[in-house]
Amino acid sequence: MLVMVVVFVLGFILEAVEIIYIVVPLLGPPVLGGDISPVWFGVLLAMNLQTSFLTPPFGFALFYFRSTAPRDITTGDIYMGVAPFVALQLLGLGLLIAFPALATWLPELIFRG
């Protein structure tokens, strides 16, 4: 859980590729050596990184929208507008943490079946 919080906070200030270069080499060996499913961890990490595209101040999707939005829509309006989507992604992340089989059942079916 702490790792996901750290990745989420890093998403405020770094882009996804930079976070991957920092987090994966540090956490790859413990994940692969432990009893955590690497598929589950990878999906959690990917969902968390996707959330970082929508979180201010460096959410890249927010910059793209800002460049195409009419001038009367403020940056604050954009930040408030993405809040429900960030909440939905965090809800999905919570469901995936609570029910790991959501991410692992299909790969297990394909590769071990």
PDB file of N, CA and C in Angstrom:
ATOM      1  N   MET A   1       0.832  -1.192   0.000  1.00  0.00           N
ATOM      2  CA  MET A   1       0.000   0.000   0.000  1.00  0.00           C
ATOM      3  C   MET A   1       0.873   1.250   0.000  1.00  0.00           C
ATOM      4  N   LEU A   2       1.947   1.203   0.761  1.00  0.00           N
ATOM      5  CA  LEU A   2       2.860   2.350   0.825  1.00  0.00           C
ATOM      6  C   LEU A   2       3.474   2.634  -0.548  1.00  0.00           C
ATOM      7  N   VAL A   3       3.805   1.574  -1.273  1.00  0.00           N
ATOM      8  CA  VAL A   3       4.376   1.741  -2.611  1.00  0.00           C
ATOM      9  C   VAL A   3       3.392   2.461  -3.526  1.00  0.00           C
ATOM     10  N   MET A   4       2.128   2.085  -3.463  1.00  0.00           N
ATOM     11  CA  MET A   4       1.125   2.721  -4.321  1.00  0.00           C
ATOM     12  C   MET A   4       0.940   4.194  -3.949  1.00  0.00           C
ATOM     13  N   VAL A   5       1.016   4.512  -2.670  1.00  0.00           N
ATOM     14  CA  VAL A   5       0.916   5.913  -2.242  1.00  0.00           C
ATOM     15  C   VAL A   5       2.122   6.700  -2.751  1.00  0.00           C
ATOM     16  N   VAL A   6       3.304   6.117  -2.651  1.00  0.00           N
ATOM     17  CA  VAL A   6       4.515   6.791  -3.127  1.00  0.00           C
ATOM     18  C   VAL A   6       4.436   7.016  -4.637  1.00  0.00           C
ATOM     19  N   VAL A   7       3.987   6.011  -5.394  1.00  0.00           N
ATOM     20  CA  VAL A   7       3.853   6.157  -6.844  1.00  0.00           C
ATOM     21  C   VAL A   7       2.823   7.233  -7.171  1.00  0.00           C
ATOM     22  N   PHE A   8       1.729   7.260  -6.433  1.00  0.00           N
ATOM     23  CA  PHE A   8       0.690   8.273  -6.663  1.00  0.00           C
ATOM     24  C   PHE A   8       1.235   9.669  -6.413  1.00  0.00           C
ATOM     25  N   VAL A   9       1.974   9.853  -5.336  1.00  0.00           N
ATOM     26  CA  VAL A   9       2.553  11.164  -5.021  1.00  0.00           C
ATOM     27  C   VAL A   9       3.622  11.534  -6.046  1.00  0.00           C
ATOM     28  N   LEU A  10       4.434  10.571  -6.469  1.00  0.00           N
ATOM     29  CA  LEU A  10       5.428  10.856  -7.503  1.00  0.00           C
ATOM     30  C   LEU A  10       4.758  11.290  -8.801  1.00  0.00           C
ATOM     31  N   GLY A  11       3.540  10.809  -9.053  1.00  0.00           N
ATOM     32  CA  GLY A  11       2.799  11.198 -10.244  1.00  0.00           C
ATOM     33  C   GLY A  11       2.456  12.676 -10.282  1.00  0.00           C
ATOM     34  N   PHE A  12       2.472  13.335  -9.128  1.00  0.00           N
ATOM     35  CA  PHE A  12       2.224  14.780  -9.097  1.00  0.00           C
ATOM     36  C   PHE A  12       3.371  15.559  -9.724  1.00  0.00           C
ATOM     37  N   ILE A  13       4.594  15.028  -9.633  1.00  0.00           N
ATOM     38  CA  ILE A  13       5.757  15.809 -10.041  1.00  0.00           C
ATOM     39  C   ILE A  13       6.594  15.178 -11.147  1.00  0.00           C
ATOM     40  N   LEU A  14       6.402  13.893 -11.433  1.00  0.00           N
ATOM     41  CA  LEU A  14       7.172  13.215 -12.470  1.00  0.00           C
ATOM     42  C   LEU A  14       6.240  12.588 -13.488  1.00  0.00           C
ATOM     43  N   GLU A  15       6.760  12.331 -14.676  1.00  0.00           N
ATOM     44  CA  GLU A  15       5.937  11.623 -15.655  1.00  0.00           C
ATOM     45  C   GLU A  15       6.121  10.111 -15.483  1.00  0.00           C
ATOM     46  N   ALA A  16       5.279   9.350 -16.153  1.00  0.00           N
ATOM     47  CA  ALA A  16       5.195   7.903 -15.939  1.00  0.00           C
ATOM     48  C   ALA A  16       6.512   7.181 -16.219  1.00  0.00           C
ATOM     49  N   VAL A  17       7.186   7.534 -17.295  1.00  0.00           N
ATOM     50  CA  VAL A  17       8.426   6.841 -17.644  1.00  0.00           C
ATOM     51  C   VAL A  17       9.485   7.042 -16.564  1.00  0.00           C
ATOM     52  N   GLU A  18       9.571   8.244 -16.032  1.00  0.00           N
ATOM     53  CA  GLU A  18      10.540   8.511 -14.967  1.00  0.00           C
ATOM     54  C   GLU A  18      10.206   7.702 -13.713  1.00  0.00           C
ATOM     55  N   ILE A  19       8.935   7.605 -13.400  1.00  0.00           N
ATOM     56  CA  ILE A  19       8.527   6.825 -12.226  1.00  0.00           C
ATOM     57  C   ILE A  19       8.860   5.356 -12.427  1.00  0.00           C
ATOM     58  N   ILE A  20       8.621   4.853 -13.631  1.00  0.00           N
ATOM     59  CA  ILE A  20       8.945   3.446 -13.910  1.00  0.00           C
ATOM     60  C   ILE A  20      10.435   3.200 -13.743  1.00  0.00           C
ATOM     61  N   TYR A  21      11.268   4.113 -14.254  1.00  0.00           N
ATOM     62  CA  TYR A  21      12.718   3.948 -14.126  1.00  0.00           C
ATOM     63  C   TYR A  21      13.192   4.005 -12.679  1.00  0.00           C
ATOM     64  N   ILE A  22      12.448   4.659 -11.816  1.00  0.00           N
ATOM     65  CA  ILE A  22      12.822   4.741 -10.408  1.00  0.00           C
ATOM     66  C   ILE A  22      12.258   3.565  -9.616  1.00  0.00           C
ATOM     67  N   VAL A  23      10.974   3.279  -9.768  1.00  0.00           N
ATOM     68  CA  VAL A  23      10.274   2.330  -8.897  1.00  0.00           C
ATOM     69  C   VAL A  23      10.528   0.878  -9.276  1.00  0.00           C
ATOM     70  N   VAL A  24      10.452   0.545 -10.554  1.00  0.00           N
ATOM     71  CA  VAL A  24      10.549  -0.863 -10.956  1.00  0.00           C
ATOM     72  C   VAL A  24      11.895  -1.492 -10.582  1.00  0.00           C
ATOM     73  N   PRO A  25      13.038  -0.847 -10.839  1.00  0.00           N
ATOM     74  CA  PRO A  25      14.296  -1.479 -10.415  1.00  0.00           C
ATOM     75  C   PRO A  25      14.411  -1.656  -8.899  1.00  0.00           C
ATOM     76  N   LEU A  26      13.788  -0.759  -8.145  1.00  0.00           N
ATOM     77  CA  LEU A  26      13.848  -0.887  -6.689  1.00  0.00           C
ATOM     78  C   LEU A  26      12.918  -1.979  -6.165  1.00  0.00           C
ATOM     79  N   LEU A  27      11.755  -2.119  -6.791  1.00  0.00           N
ATOM     80  CA  LEU A  27      10.748  -3.034  -6.260  1.00  0.00           C
ATOM     81  C   LEU A  27      10.626  -4.343  -7.023  1.00  0.00           C
ATOM     82  N   GLY A  28      11.241  -4.427  -8.196  1.00  0.00           N
ATOM     83  CA  GLY A  28      11.167  -5.654  -8.981  1.00  0.00           C
ATOM     84  C   GLY A  28      11.677  -6.880  -8.244  1.00  0.00           C
ATOM     85  N   PRO A  29      12.909  -6.845  -7.709  1.00  0.00           N
ATOM     86  CA  PRO A  29      13.413  -8.036  -7.011  1.00  0.00           C
ATOM     87  C   PRO A  29      12.568  -8.466  -5.812  1.00  0.00           C
ATOM     88  N   PRO A  30      12.130  -7.551  -4.932  1.00  0.00           N
ATOM     89  CA  PRO A  30      11.282  -8.015  -3.829  1.00  0.00           C
ATOM     90  C   PRO A  30       9.941  -8.599  -4.301  1.00  0.00           C
ATOM     91  N   VAL A  31       9.363  -8.011  -5.346  1.00  0.00           N
ATOM     92  CA  VAL A  31       8.082  -8.523  -5.848  1.00  0.00           C
ATOM     93  C   VAL A  31       8.278  -9.907  -6.449  1.00  0.00           C
ATOM     94  N   LEU A  32       9.314 -10.065  -7.268  1.00  0.00           N
ATOM     95  CA  LEU A  32       9.566 -11.362  -7.900  1.00  0.00           C
ATOM     96  C   LEU A  32      10.010 -12.419  -6.890  1.00  0.00           C
ATOM     97  N   GLY A  33      10.682 -11.987  -5.826  1.00  0.00           N
ATOM     98  CA  GLY A  33      11.143 -12.930  -4.808  1.00  0.00           C
ATOM     99  C   GLY A  33      10.095 -13.255  -3.768  1.00  0.00           C
ATOM    100  N   GLY A  34       9.058 -12.459  -3.677  1.00  0.00           N
ATOM    101  CA  GLY A  34       8.015 -12.682  -2.677  1.00  0.00           C
ATOM    102  C   GLY A  34       6.848 -13.461  -3.244  1.00  0.00           C
ATOM    103  N   ASP A  35       5.758 -13.431  -2.507  1.00  0.00           N
ATOM    104  CA  ASP A  35       4.573 -14.165  -2.952  1.00  0.00           C
ATOM    105  C   ASP A  35       3.526 -13.245  -3.574  1.00  0.00           C
ATOM    106  N   ILE A  36       3.939 -12.035  -3.960  1.00  0.00           N
ATOM    107  CA  ILE A  36       3.047 -11.103  -4.656  1.00  0.00           C
ATOM    108  C   ILE A  36       3.073 -11.455  -6.143  1.00  0.00           C
ATOM    109  N   SER A  37       1.911 -11.497  -6.757  1.00  0.00           N
ATOM    110  CA  SER A  37       1.835 -11.784  -8.186  1.00  0.00           C
ATOM    111  C   SER A  37       2.420 -10.618  -8.971  1.00  0.00           C
ATOM    112  N   PRO A  38       3.424 -10.878  -9.823  1.00  0.00           N
ATOM    113  CA  PRO A  38       3.985  -9.793 -10.630  1.00  0.00           C
ATOM    114  C   PRO A  38       2.953  -9.191 -11.595  1.00  0.00           C
ATOM    115  N   VAL A  39       2.018 -10.009 -12.069  1.00  0.00           N
ATOM    116  CA  VAL A  39       0.968  -9.501 -12.956  1.00  0.00           C
ATOM    117  C   VAL A  39       0.093  -8.516 -12.188  1.00  0.00           C
ATOM    118  N   TRP A  40      -0.324  -8.899 -10.993  1.00  0.00           N
ATOM    119  CA  TRP A  40      -1.165  -8.031 -10.167  1.00  0.00           C
ATOM    120  C   TRP A  40      -0.437  -6.731  -9.848  1.00  0.00           C
ATOM    121  N   PHE A  41       0.825  -6.837  -9.451  1.00  0.00           N
ATOM    122  CA  PHE A  41       1.602  -5.644  -9.129  1.00  0.00           C
ATOM    123  C   PHE A  41       1.767  -4.753 -10.350  1.00  0.00           C
ATOM    124  N   GLY A  42       2.014  -5.348 -11.506  1.00  0.00           N
ATOM    125  CA  GLY A  42       2.163  -4.574 -12.735  1.00  0.00           C
ATOM    126  C   GLY A  42       0.891  -3.833 -13.117  1.00  0.00           C
ATOM    127  N   VAL A  43      -0.262  -4.491 -12.952  1.00  0.00           N
ATOM    128  CA  VAL A  43      -1.537  -3.838 -13.260  1.00  0.00           C
ATOM    129  C   VAL A  43      -1.802  -2.715 -12.264  1.00  0.00           C
ATOM    130  N   LEU A  44      -1.513  -2.959 -10.992  1.00  0.00           N
ATOM    131  CA  LEU A  44      -1.664  -1.894  -9.985  1.00  0.00           C
ATOM    132  C   LEU A  44      -0.795  -0.689 -10.334  1.00  0.00           C
ATOM    133  N   LEU A  45       0.443  -0.961 -10.691  1.00  0.00           N
ATOM    134  CA  LEU A  45       1.364   0.116 -11.035  1.00  0.00           C
ATOM    135  C   LEU A  45       0.877   0.866 -12.272  1.00  0.00           C
ATOM    136  N   ALA A  46       0.416   0.139 -13.278  1.00  0.00           N
ATOM    137  CA  ALA A  46      -0.066   0.785 -14.504  1.00  0.00           C
ATOM    138  C   ALA A  46      -1.296   1.645 -14.238  1.00  0.00           C
ATOM    139  N   MET A  47      -2.219   1.144 -13.431  1.00  0.00           N
ATOM    140  CA  MET A  47      -3.411   1.940 -13.099  1.00  0.00           C
ATOM    141  C   MET A  47      -3.029   3.188 -12.315  1.00  0.00           C
ATOM    142  N   ASN A  48      -2.105   3.035 -11.406  1.00  0.00           N
ATOM    143  CA  ASN A  48      -1.657   4.170 -10.612  1.00  0.00           C
ATOM    144  C   ASN A  48      -0.959   5.202 -11.492  1.00  0.00           C
ATOM    145  N   LEU A  49      -0.150   4.747 -12.426  1.00  0.00           N
ATOM    146  CA  LEU A  49       0.522   5.672 -13.335  1.00  0.00           C
ATOM    147  C   LEU A  49      -0.482   6.356 -14.250  1.00  0.00           C
ATOM    148  N   GLN A  50      -1.520   5.639 -14.662  1.00  0.00           N
ATOM    149  CA  GLN A  50      -2.555   6.254 -15.496  1.00  0.00           C
ATOM    150  C   GLN A  50      -3.240   7.388 -14.736  1.00  0.00           C
ATOM    151  N   THR A  51      -3.425   7.212 -13.442  1.00  0.00           N
ATOM    152  CA  THR A  51      -4.026   8.257 -12.626  1.00  0.00           C
ATOM    153  C   THR A  51      -3.142   9.504 -12.613  1.00  0.00           C
ATOM    154  N   SER A  52      -1.831   9.307 -12.694  1.00  0.00           N
ATOM    155  CA  SER A  52      -0.925  10.459 -12.653  1.00  0.00           C
ATOM    156  C   SER A  52      -1.084  11.365 -13.867  1.00  0.00           C
ATOM    157  N   PHE A  53      -1.640  10.866 -14.966  1.00  0.00           N
ATOM    158  CA  PHE A  53      -1.876  11.718 -16.127  1.00  0.00           C
ATOM    159  C   PHE A  53      -2.974  12.742 -15.857  1.00  0.00           C
ATOM    160  N   LEU A  54      -3.767  12.514 -14.825  1.00  0.00           N
ATOM    161  CA  LEU A  54      -4.886  13.410 -14.520  1.00  0.00           C
ATOM    162  C   LEU A  54      -4.701  14.216 -13.246  1.00  0.00           C
ATOM    163  N   THR A  55      -3.583  14.044 -12.560  1.00  0.00           N
ATOM    164  CA  THR A  55      -3.412  14.738 -11.288  1.00  0.00           C
ATOM    165  C   THR A  55      -2.575  15.996 -11.466  1.00  0.00           C
ATOM    166  N   PRO A  56      -3.070  17.110 -10.960  1.00  0.00           N
ATOM    167  CA  PRO A  56      -2.302  18.358 -11.021  1.00  0.00           C
ATOM    168  C   PRO A  56      -1.065  18.256 -10.139  1.00  0.00           C
ATOM    169  N   PRO A  57      -0.068  19.008 -10.323  1.00  0.00           N
ATOM    170  CA  PRO A  57       0.090  20.093 -11.280  1.00  0.00           C
ATOM    171  C   PRO A  57       0.691  19.655 -12.613  1.00  0.00           C
ATOM    172  N   PHE A  58       1.219  18.421 -12.726  1.00  0.00           N
ATOM    173  CA  PHE A  58       1.886  18.014 -13.965  1.00  0.00           C
ATOM    174  C   PHE A  58       1.140  16.924 -14.719  1.00  0.00           C
ATOM    175  N   GLY A  59      -0.157  16.850 -14.574  1.00  0.00           N
ATOM    176  CA  GLY A  59      -0.936  15.868 -15.318  1.00  0.00           C
ATOM    177  C   GLY A  59      -0.929  16.206 -16.800  1.00  0.00           C
ATOM    178  N   PHE A  60      -0.320  15.345 -17.584  1.00  0.00           N
ATOM    179  CA  PHE A  60      -0.147  15.677 -18.997  1.00  0.00           C
ATOM    180  C   PHE A  60      -1.472  15.750 -19.736  1.00  0.00           C
ATOM    181  N   ALA A  61      -2.438  14.964 -19.370  1.00  0.00           N
ATOM    182  CA  ALA A  61      -3.756  15.057 -20.004  1.00  0.00           C
ATOM    183  C   ALA A  61      -4.380  16.426 -19.722  1.00  0.00           C
ATOM    184  N   LEU A  62      -4.070  16.988 -18.562  1.00  0.00           N
ATOM    185  CA  LEU A  62      -4.582  18.323 -18.230  1.00  0.00           C
ATOM    186  C   LEU A  62      -3.961  19.390 -19.132  1.00  0.00           C
ATOM    187  N   PHE A  63      -2.682  19.224 -19.447  1.00  0.00           N
ATOM    188  CA  PHE A  63      -2.032  20.170 -20.356  1.00  0.00           C
ATOM    189  C   PHE A  63      -2.636  20.080 -21.752  1.00  0.00           C
ATOM    190  N   TYR A  64      -2.915  18.851 -22.191  1.00  0.00           N
ATOM    191  CA  TYR A  64      -3.511  18.681 -23.519  1.00  0.00           C
ATOM    192  C   TYR A  64      -4.889  19.342 -23.559  1.00  0.00           C
ATOM    193  N   PHE A  65      -5.655  19.130 -22.512  1.00  0.00           N
ATOM    194  CA  PHE A  65      -6.991  19.726 -22.484  1.00  0.00           C
ATOM    195  C   PHE A  65      -6.905  21.246 -22.405  1.00  0.00           C
ATOM    196  N   ARG A  66      -5.967  21.740 -21.613  1.00  0.00           N
ATOM    197  CA  ARG A  66      -5.796  23.192 -21.486  1.00  0.00           C
ATOM    198  C   ARG A  66      -5.503  23.821 -22.849  1.00  0.00           C
ATOM    199  N   SER A  67      -4.736  23.135 -23.672  1.00  0.00           N
ATOM    200  CA  SER A  67      -4.368  23.695 -24.972  1.00  0.00           C
ATOM    201  C   SER A  67      -5.530  23.704 -25.959  1.00  0.00           C
ATOM    202  N   THR A  68      -6.544  22.891 -25.731  1.00  0.00           N
ATOM    203  CA  THR A  68      -7.675  22.835 -26.655  1.00  0.00           C
ATOM    204  C   THR A  68      -8.943  23.467 -26.089  1.00  0.00           C
ATOM    205  N   ALA A  69      -8.960  23.754 -24.808  1.00  0.00           N
ATOM    206  CA  ALA A  69     -10.161  24.302 -24.175  1.00  0.00           C
ATOM    207  C   ALA A  69     -10.341  25.773 -24.554  1.00  0.00           C
ATOM    208  N   PRO A  70     -11.577  26.235 -24.580  1.00  0.00           N
ATOM    209  CA  PRO A  70     -11.815  27.659 -24.821  1.00  0.00           C
ATOM    210  C   PRO A  70     -11.187  28.521 -23.723  1.00  0.00           C
ATOM    211  N   ARG A  71     -10.919  29.751 -24.039  1.00  0.00           N
ATOM    212  CA  ARG A  71     -10.236  30.643 -23.096  1.00  0.00           C
ATOM    213  C   ARG A  71     -11.049  30.911 -21.828  1.00  0.00           C
ATOM    214  N   ASP A  72     -12.374  30.806 -21.910  1.00  0.00           N
ATOM    215  CA  ASP A  72     -13.182  31.092 -20.724  1.00  0.00           C
ATOM    216  C   ASP A  72     -13.176  29.941 -19.714  1.00  0.00           C
ATOM    217  N   ILE A  73     -12.607  28.790 -20.067  1.00  0.00           N
ATOM    218  CA  ILE A  73     -12.451  27.688 -19.106  1.00  0.00           C
ATOM    219  C   ILE A  73     -11.081  27.839 -18.462  1.00  0.00           C
ATOM    220  N   THR A  74     -11.082  28.002 -17.154  1.00  0.00           N
ATOM    221  CA  THR A  74      -9.818  28.231 -16.436  1.00  0.00           C
ATOM    222  C   THR A  74      -9.135  26.904 -16.106  1.00  0.00           C
ATOM    223  N   THR A  75      -7.882  27.003 -15.738  1.00  0.00           N
ATOM    224  CA  THR A  75      -7.140  25.816 -15.319  1.00  0.00           C
ATOM    225  C   THR A  75      -7.770  25.217 -14.065  1.00  0.00           C
ATOM    226  N   GLY A  76      -8.257  26.050 -13.179  1.00  0.00           N
ATOM    227  CA  GLY A  76      -8.961  25.560 -11.982  1.00  0.00           C
ATOM    228  C   GLY A  76     -10.206  24.775 -12.349  1.00  0.00           C
ATOM    229  N   ASP A  77     -10.924  25.242 -13.372  1.00  0.00           N
ATOM    230  CA  ASP A  77     -12.098  24.495 -13.844  1.00  0.00           C
ATOM    231  C   ASP A  77     -11.691  23.110 -14.349  1.00  0.00           C
ATOM    232  N   ILE A  78     -10.575  23.054 -15.040  1.00  0.00           N
ATOM    233  CA  ILE A  78     -10.098  21.775 -15.557  1.00  0.00           C
ATOM    234  C   ILE A  78      -9.724  20.850 -14.408  1.00  0.00           C
ATOM    235  N   TYR A  79      -9.025  21.382 -13.411  1.00  0.00           N
ATOM    236  CA  TYR A  79      -8.644  20.565 -12.254  1.00  0.00           C
ATOM    237  C   TYR A  79      -9.874  20.030 -11.537  1.00  0.00           C
ATOM    238  N   MET A  80     -10.880  20.883 -11.363  1.00  0.00           N
ATOM    239  CA  MET A  80     -12.114  20.429 -10.696  1.00  0.00           C
ATOM    240  C   MET A  80     -12.866  19.421 -11.572  1.00  0.00           C
ATOM    241  N   GLY A  81     -12.777  19.579 -12.873  1.00  0.00           N
ATOM    242  CA  GLY A  81     -13.475  18.686 -13.781  1.00  0.00           C
ATOM    243  C   GLY A  81     -12.911  17.278 -13.807  1.00  0.00           C
ATOM    244  N   VAL A  82     -11.612  17.138 -13.547  1.00  0.00           N
ATOM    245  CA  VAL A  82     -11.030  15.794 -13.564  1.00  0.00           C
ATOM    246  C   VAL A  82     -11.121  15.094 -12.214  1.00  0.00           C
ATOM    247  N   ALA A  83     -11.512  15.805 -11.180  1.00  0.00           N
ATOM    248  CA  ALA A  83     -11.585  15.203  -9.840  1.00  0.00           C
ATOM    249  C   ALA A  83     -12.454  13.944  -9.793  1.00  0.00           C
ATOM    250  N   PRO A  84     -13.643  13.931 -10.400  1.00  0.00           N
ATOM    251  CA  PRO A  84     -14.430  12.691 -10.373  1.00  0.00           C
ATOM    252  C   PRO A  84     -13.739  11.531 -11.090  1.00  0.00           C
ATOM    253  N   PHE A  85     -13.002  11.817 -12.144  1.00  0.00           N
ATOM    254  CA  PHE A  85     -12.313  10.759 -12.875  1.00  0.00           C
ATOM    255  C   PHE A  85     -11.144  10.196 -12.073  1.00  0.00           C
ATOM    256  N   VAL A  86     -10.445  11.059 -11.360  1.00  0.00           N
ATOM    257  CA  VAL A  86      -9.379  10.598 -10.473  1.00  0.00           C
ATOM    258  C   VAL A  86      -9.988   9.744  -9.361  1.00  0.00           C
ATOM    259  N   ALA A  87     -11.123  10.181  -8.817  1.00  0.00           N
ATOM    260  CA  ALA A  87     -11.798   9.394  -7.772  1.00  0.00           C
ATOM    261  C   ALA A  87     -12.222   8.027  -8.305  1.00  0.00           C
ATOM    262  N   LEU A  88     -12.722   7.968  -9.531  1.00  0.00           N
ATOM    263  CA  LEU A  88     -13.109   6.684 -10.122  1.00  0.00           C
ATOM    264  C   LEU A  88     -11.898   5.774 -10.333  1.00  0.00           C
ATOM    265  N   GLN A  89     -10.795   6.350 -10.769  1.00  0.00           N
ATOM    266  CA  GLN A  89      -9.598   5.535 -10.945  1.00  0.00           C
ATOM    267  C   GLN A  89      -9.076   5.032  -9.603  1.00  0.00           C
ATOM    268  N   LEU A  90      -9.142   5.857  -8.571  1.00  0.00           N
ATOM    269  CA  LEU A  90      -8.726   5.409  -7.244  1.00  0.00           C
ATOM    270  C   LEU A  90      -9.663   4.333  -6.702  1.00  0.00           C
ATOM    271  N   LEU A  91     -10.953   4.450  -6.999  1.00  0.00           N
ATOM    272  CA  LEU A  91     -11.910   3.403  -6.624  1.00  0.00           C
ATOM    273  C   LEU A  91     -11.561   2.094  -7.329  1.00  0.00           C
ATOM    274  N   GLY A  92     -11.266   2.178  -8.628  1.00  0.00           N
ATOM    275  CA  GLY A  92     -10.854   0.984  -9.371  1.00  0.00           C
ATOM    276  C   GLY A  92      -9.581   0.382  -8.814  1.00  0.00           C
ATOM    277  N   LEU A  93      -8.648   1.231  -8.424  1.00  0.00           N
ATOM    278  CA  LEU A  93      -7.408   0.753  -7.816  1.00  0.00           C
ATOM    279  C   LEU A  93      -7.697   0.059  -6.487  1.00  0.00           C
ATOM    280  N   GLY A  94      -8.602   0.636  -5.710  1.00  0.00           N
ATOM    281  CA  GLY A  94      -8.991   0.008  -4.444  1.00  0.00           C
ATOM    282  C   GLY A  94      -9.656  -1.343  -4.657  1.00  0.00           C
ATOM    283  N   LEU A  95     -10.506  -1.438  -5.675  1.00  0.00           N
ATOM    284  CA  LEU A  95     -11.144  -2.726  -5.980  1.00  0.00           C
ATOM    285  C   LEU A  95     -10.116  -3.760  -6.416  1.00  0.00           C
ATOM    286  N   LEU A  96      -9.132  -3.317  -7.181  1.00  0.00           N
ATOM    287  CA  LEU A  96      -8.089  -4.233  -7.619  1.00  0.00           C
ATOM    288  C   LEU A  96      -7.212  -4.688  -6.453  1.00  0.00           C
ATOM    289  N   ILE A  97      -7.001  -3.816  -5.493  1.00  0.00           N
ATOM    290  CA  ILE A  97      -6.252  -4.210  -4.295  1.00  0.00           C
ATOM    291  C   ILE A  97      -7.070  -5.202  -3.470  1.00  0.00           C
ATOM    292  N   ALA A  98      -8.368  -4.940  -3.345  1.00  0.00           N
ATOM    293  CA  ALA A  98      -9.234  -5.820  -2.553  1.00  0.00           C
ATOM    294  C   ALA A  98      -9.467  -7.160  -3.231  1.00  0.00           C
ATOM    295  N   PHE A  99      -9.523  -7.165  -4.561  1.00  0.00           N
ATOM    296  CA  PHE A  99      -9.814  -8.387  -5.315  1.00  0.00           C
ATOM    297  C   PHE A  99      -8.744  -8.596  -6.385  1.00  0.00           C
ATOM    298  N   PRO A 100      -7.573  -9.142  -6.019  1.00  0.00           N
ATOM    299  CA  PRO A 100      -6.478  -9.327  -6.981  1.00  0.00           C
ATOM    300  C   PRO A 100      -6.855 -10.201  -8.175  1.00  0.00           C
ATOM    301  N   ALA A 101      -7.834 -11.065  -8.016  1.00  0.00           N
ATOM    302  CA  ALA A 101      -8.231 -11.949  -9.112  1.00  0.00           C
ATOM    303  C   ALA A 101      -8.777 -11.174 -10.309  1.00  0.00           C
ATOM    304  N   LEU A 102      -9.190  -9.924 -10.108  1.00  0.00           N
ATOM    305  CA  LEU A 102      -9.644  -9.110 -11.231  1.00  0.00           C
ATOM    306  C   LEU A 102      -8.537  -8.933 -12.268  1.00  0.00           C
ATOM    307  N   ALA A 103      -7.298  -8.937 -11.823  1.00  0.00           N
ATOM    308  CA  ALA A 103      -6.171  -8.744 -12.732  1.00  0.00           C
ATOM    309  C   ALA A 103      -5.478 -10.049 -13.093  1.00  0.00           C
ATOM    310  N   THR A 104      -5.648 -11.081 -12.296  1.00  0.00           N
ATOM    311  CA  THR A 104      -4.840 -12.288 -12.500  1.00  0.00           C
ATOM    312  C   THR A 104      -5.593 -13.466 -13.104  1.00  0.00           C
ATOM    313  N   TRP A 105      -6.907 -13.446 -13.121  1.00  0.00           N
ATOM    314  CA  TRP A 105      -7.624 -14.647 -13.574  1.00  0.00           C
ATOM    315  C   TRP A 105      -7.398 -14.942 -15.053  1.00  0.00           C
ATOM    316  N   LEU A 106      -7.413 -13.935 -15.910  1.00  0.00           N
ATOM    317  CA  LEU A 106      -7.240 -14.183 -17.341  1.00  0.00           C
ATOM    318  C   LEU A 106      -5.825 -14.635 -17.679  1.00  0.00           C
ATOM    319  N   PRO A 107      -4.756 -13.981 -17.171  1.00  0.00           N
ATOM    320  CA  PRO A 107      -3.421 -14.504 -17.454  1.00  0.00           C
ATOM    321  C   PRO A 107      -3.216 -15.933 -16.933  1.00  0.00           C
ATOM    322  N   GLU A 108      -3.783 -16.239 -15.774  1.00  0.00           N
ATOM    323  CA  GLU A 108      -3.678 -17.609 -15.264  1.00  0.00           C
ATOM    324  C   GLU A 108      -4.411 -18.583 -16.187  1.00  0.00           C
ATOM    325  N   LEU A 109      -5.555 -18.191 -16.673  1.00  0.00           N
ATOM    326  CA  LEU A 109      -6.330 -19.040 -17.578  1.00  0.00           C
ATOM    327  C   LEU A 109      -5.578 -19.278 -18.882  1.00  0.00           C
ATOM    328  N   ILE A 110      -4.949 -18.240 -19.404  1.00  0.00           N
ATOM    329  CA  ILE A 110      -4.243 -18.360 -20.684  1.00  0.00           C
ATOM    330  C   ILE A 110      -2.928 -19.108 -20.545  1.00  0.00           C
ATOM    331  N   PHE A 111      -2.132 -18.759 -19.552  1.00  0.00           N
ATOM    332  CA  PHE A 111      -0.765 -19.276 -19.487  1.00  0.00           C
ATOM    333  C   PHE A 111      -0.608 -20.531 -18.633  1.00  0.00           C
ATOM    334  N   ARG A 112      -1.562 -20.844 -17.806  1.00  0.00           N
ATOM    335  CA  ARG A 112      -1.451 -22.043 -16.969  1.00  0.00           C
ATOM    336  C   ARG A 112      -2.557 -23.045 -17.250  1.00  0.00           C
ATOM    337  N   GLY A 113      -3.428 -22.710 -18.175  1.00  0.00           N
ATOM    338  CA  GLY A 113      -4.583 -23.559 -18.433  1.00  0.00           C
ATOM    339  C   GLY A 113      -4.381 -24.453 -19.540  1.00  0.00           C
TER     340      GLY A 113
END
